[in-house]
Amino acid sequence: MQRQHWHKSSYSSGSQNCVEVSEGRTTGVRDTQNRAQAELNLPAHEWNALLSVLTR
């Protein structure tokens, strides 16, 4: 499976402590300081539901 482009969260605002996401059918989330360690993968509809709750 080929992953889309990783980008920093818009909430990071230049901080060293942030996450990156790769959005697509499955959304990947990873720590920018530990990219190779692990990533969390969520179905796109679950990621969108999480963002909806967090941005209320």
N, C-alpha and C. Protein backbone atom coordinates (compact mmCIF):
# COMPACT_ATOMS: atom_id res chain seq x y z
N MET A 1 0.84 -1.18 0.00
CA MET A 1 0.00 0.00 0.00
C MET A 1 0.89 1.24 0.00
N GLN A 2 0.68 2.12 -0.93
CA GLN A 2 1.48 3.33 -1.00
C GLN A 2 0.83 4.43 -0.17
N ARG A 3 1.60 5.05 0.67
CA ARG A 3 1.13 6.08 1.59
C ARG A 3 1.17 7.44 0.91
N GLN A 4 0.19 8.26 1.21
CA GLN A 4 0.20 9.63 0.73
C GLN A 4 1.25 10.43 1.48
N HIS A 5 1.38 11.66 1.12
CA HIS A 5 2.35 12.58 1.72
C HIS A 5 2.07 12.83 3.20
N TRP A 6 3.09 12.74 4.03
CA TRP A 6 2.98 13.08 5.45
C TRP A 6 3.11 14.58 5.60
N HIS A 7 2.31 15.16 6.49
CA HIS A 7 2.42 16.59 6.78
C HIS A 7 2.14 16.83 8.26
N LYS A 8 2.75 17.92 8.78
CA LYS A 8 2.55 18.25 10.19
C LYS A 8 1.14 18.74 10.43
N SER A 9 0.68 18.50 11.61
CA SER A 9 -0.62 18.99 12.03
C SER A 9 -0.64 20.51 11.96
N SER A 10 -1.76 21.07 11.54
CA SER A 10 -1.89 22.53 11.48
C SER A 10 -1.89 23.14 12.88
N TYR A 11 -2.10 22.34 13.91
CA TYR A 11 -2.09 22.82 15.29
C TYR A 11 -0.68 22.85 15.88
N SER A 12 0.31 22.37 15.16
CA SER A 12 1.67 22.30 15.68
C SER A 12 2.34 23.67 15.76
N SER A 13 2.02 24.56 14.86
CA SER A 13 2.55 25.93 14.81
C SER A 13 4.06 26.02 15.07
N GLY A 14 4.82 25.20 14.39
CA GLY A 14 6.28 25.26 14.47
C GLY A 14 6.89 24.62 15.70
N SER A 15 6.10 24.04 16.55
CA SER A 15 6.61 23.41 17.76
C SER A 15 7.41 22.15 17.41
N GLN A 16 8.34 21.79 18.28
CA GLN A 16 9.09 20.55 18.11
C GLN A 16 8.27 19.33 18.52
N ASN A 17 7.25 19.54 19.34
CA ASN A 17 6.41 18.45 19.83
C ASN A 17 5.12 18.42 19.03
N CYS A 18 5.11 17.63 17.98
CA CYS A 18 3.93 17.62 17.13
C CYS A 18 3.74 16.26 16.48
N VAL A 19 2.67 16.14 15.78
CA VAL A 19 2.37 14.92 15.05
C VAL A 19 2.28 15.21 13.57
N GLU A 20 2.45 14.16 12.79
CA GLU A 20 2.26 14.24 11.35
C GLU A 20 1.12 13.31 10.98
N VAL A 21 0.41 13.66 9.94
CA VAL A 21 -0.67 12.81 9.45
C VAL A 21 -0.48 12.56 7.96
N SER A 22 -1.00 11.44 7.53
CA SER A 22 -1.05 11.09 6.12
C SER A 22 -2.48 10.65 5.85
N GLU A 23 -3.23 11.51 5.19
CA GLU A 23 -4.66 11.26 5.00
C GLU A 23 -4.94 10.55 3.69
N GLY A 24 -5.89 9.68 3.72
CA GLY A 24 -6.32 8.90 2.57
C GLY A 24 -7.44 7.98 3.03
N ARG A 25 -7.60 6.84 2.36
CA ARG A 25 -8.62 5.86 2.80
C ARG A 25 -8.34 5.41 4.22
N THR A 26 -7.06 5.32 4.56
CA THR A 26 -6.61 5.09 5.93
C THR A 26 -5.73 6.27 6.30
N THR A 27 -5.96 6.83 7.48
CA THR A 27 -5.18 7.97 7.93
C THR A 27 -4.13 7.50 8.91
N GLY A 28 -2.88 7.85 8.63
CA GLY A 28 -1.78 7.51 9.52
C GLY A 28 -1.44 8.71 10.40
N VAL A 29 -1.08 8.44 11.65
CA VAL A 29 -0.68 9.47 12.60
C VAL A 29 0.61 9.00 13.25
N ARG A 30 1.61 9.89 13.31
CA ARG A 30 2.88 9.51 13.93
C ARG A 30 3.52 10.72 14.62
N ASP A 31 4.41 10.44 15.55
CA ASP A 31 5.17 11.45 16.28
C ASP A 31 6.34 11.89 15.39
N THR A 32 6.54 13.18 15.23
CA THR A 32 7.62 13.66 14.37
C THR A 32 8.99 13.32 14.92
N GLN A 33 9.11 13.14 16.22
CA GLN A 33 10.41 12.83 16.81
C GLN A 33 10.70 11.33 16.82
N ASN A 34 9.70 10.51 16.53
CA ASN A 34 9.88 9.05 16.53
C ASN A 34 9.20 8.44 15.31
N ARG A 35 9.50 8.95 14.15
CA ARG A 35 8.81 8.52 12.91
C ARG A 35 8.93 7.02 12.66
N ALA A 36 10.08 6.46 12.91
CA ALA A 36 10.29 5.04 12.61
C ALA A 36 9.75 4.12 13.69
N GLN A 37 9.42 4.66 14.83
CA GLN A 37 9.01 3.82 15.95
C GLN A 37 7.64 3.19 15.74
N ALA A 38 6.64 3.99 15.43
CA ALA A 38 5.29 3.46 15.27
C ALA A 38 4.38 4.51 14.66
N GLU A 39 3.28 4.05 14.12
CA GLU A 39 2.24 4.97 13.64
C GLU A 39 0.89 4.34 13.94
N LEU A 40 -0.07 5.20 14.12
CA LEU A 40 -1.43 4.78 14.37
C LEU A 40 -2.18 4.93 13.05
N ASN A 41 -2.90 3.89 12.63
CA ASN A 41 -3.66 3.93 11.39
C ASN A 41 -5.14 3.80 11.68
N LEU A 42 -5.92 4.73 11.16
CA LEU A 42 -7.36 4.77 11.38
C LEU A 42 -8.09 4.83 10.05
N PRO A 43 -9.23 4.17 9.94
CA PRO A 43 -10.06 4.36 8.76
C PRO A 43 -10.43 5.85 8.65
N ALA A 44 -10.52 6.36 7.46
CA ALA A 44 -10.76 7.79 7.25
C ALA A 44 -12.00 8.28 7.97
N HIS A 45 -13.07 7.49 8.00
CA HIS A 45 -14.29 7.95 8.66
C HIS A 45 -14.09 8.11 10.17
N GLU A 46 -13.25 7.28 10.78
CA GLU A 46 -12.97 7.42 12.20
C GLU A 46 -12.10 8.65 12.47
N TRP A 47 -11.14 8.90 11.61
CA TRP A 47 -10.29 10.09 11.74
C TRP A 47 -11.15 11.35 11.63
N ASN A 48 -12.03 11.39 10.66
CA ASN A 48 -12.91 12.55 10.48
C ASN A 48 -13.83 12.74 11.68
N ALA A 49 -14.32 11.66 12.26
CA ALA A 49 -15.16 11.75 13.46
C ALA A 49 -14.36 12.32 14.63
N LEU A 50 -13.11 11.87 14.81
CA LEU A 50 -12.27 12.39 15.87
C LEU A 50 -12.03 13.89 15.69
N LEU A 51 -11.69 14.31 14.48
CA LEU A 51 -11.46 15.74 14.23
C LEU A 51 -12.72 16.56 14.49
N SER A 52 -13.85 16.02 14.15
CA SER A 52 -15.11 16.70 14.36
C SER A 52 -15.35 16.97 15.85
N VAL A 53 -15.06 15.97 16.67
CA VAL A 53 -15.25 16.12 18.12
C VAL A 53 -14.23 17.10 18.69
N LEU A 54 -12.98 17.01 18.23
CA LEU A 54 -11.93 17.86 18.78
C LEU A 54 -12.05 19.33 18.39
N THR A 55 -12.70 19.62 17.28
CA THR A 55 -12.77 21.00 16.80
C THR A 55 -14.10 21.66 17.12
N ARG A 56 -14.90 21.05 17.95
CA ARG A 56 -16.18 21.66 18.34
C ARG A 56 -15.97 22.85 19.22
